[in-house]
Amino acid sequence: MKVNLLKDIAEFVNEFILGGG
């Protein structure tokens, strides 16, 4: 499912931005 992949990527990016300094 592309939606699942998008969600996974979005979560990864979100974590990278929030917890990446």
N, C-alpha and C. Protein backbone atom coordinates (compact mmCIF):
# COMPACT_ATOMS: atom_id res chain seq x y z
N MET A 1 0.84 -1.21 0.00
CA MET A 1 0.00 0.00 0.00
C MET A 1 0.88 1.25 0.00
N LYS A 2 0.61 2.13 -0.92
CA LYS A 2 1.39 3.36 -1.00
C LYS A 2 1.12 4.26 0.20
N VAL A 3 -0.12 4.20 0.70
CA VAL A 3 -0.49 5.04 1.84
C VAL A 3 0.35 4.66 3.06
N ASN A 4 0.55 3.35 3.24
CA ASN A 4 1.34 2.87 4.36
C ASN A 4 2.76 3.38 4.25
N LEU A 5 3.32 3.33 3.05
CA LEU A 5 4.69 3.78 2.83
C LEU A 5 4.78 5.28 3.10
N LEU A 6 3.79 6.01 2.61
CA LEU A 6 3.78 7.46 2.83
C LEU A 6 3.74 7.78 4.31
N LYS A 7 2.91 7.02 5.04
CA LYS A 7 2.79 7.23 6.48
C LYS A 7 4.12 6.94 7.17
N ASP A 8 4.77 5.88 6.73
CA ASP A 8 6.05 5.49 7.32
C ASP A 8 7.08 6.59 7.07
N ILE A 9 7.11 7.09 5.84
CA ILE A 9 8.06 8.15 5.49
C ILE A 9 7.74 9.42 6.28
N ALA A 10 6.46 9.75 6.36
CA ALA A 10 6.05 10.95 7.09
C ALA A 10 6.47 10.85 8.55
N GLU A 11 6.30 9.66 9.13
CA GLU A 11 6.68 9.47 10.53
C GLU A 11 8.19 9.61 10.69
N PHE A 12 8.92 9.04 9.75
CA PHE A 12 10.38 9.11 9.81
C PHE A 12 10.86 10.55 9.70
N VAL A 13 10.29 11.27 8.75
CA VAL A 13 10.67 12.67 8.55
C VAL A 13 10.29 13.50 9.77
N ASN A 14 9.11 13.25 10.30
CA ASN A 14 8.64 13.98 11.48
C ASN A 14 9.59 13.77 12.64
N GLU A 15 9.99 12.52 12.85
CA GLU A 15 10.89 12.21 13.96
C GLU A 15 12.26 12.84 13.69
N PHE A 16 12.67 12.83 12.44
CA PHE A 16 13.97 13.39 12.08
C PHE A 16 13.99 14.90 12.33
N ILE A 17 12.87 15.56 12.02
CA ILE A 17 12.80 17.02 12.20
C ILE A 17 12.65 17.36 13.68
N LEU A 18 11.79 16.61 14.38
CA LEU A 18 11.53 16.91 15.78
C LEU A 18 12.71 16.52 16.66
N GLY A 19 13.27 15.34 16.41
CA GLY A 19 14.35 14.86 17.26
C GLY A 19 15.68 14.85 16.54
N GLY A 20 15.86 15.79 15.62
CA GLY A 20 17.13 15.83 14.89
C GLY A 20 17.70 17.24 14.93
N GLY A 21 18.78 17.42 15.72
CA GLY A 21 19.30 18.76 15.86
C GLY A 21 20.78 18.78 15.65
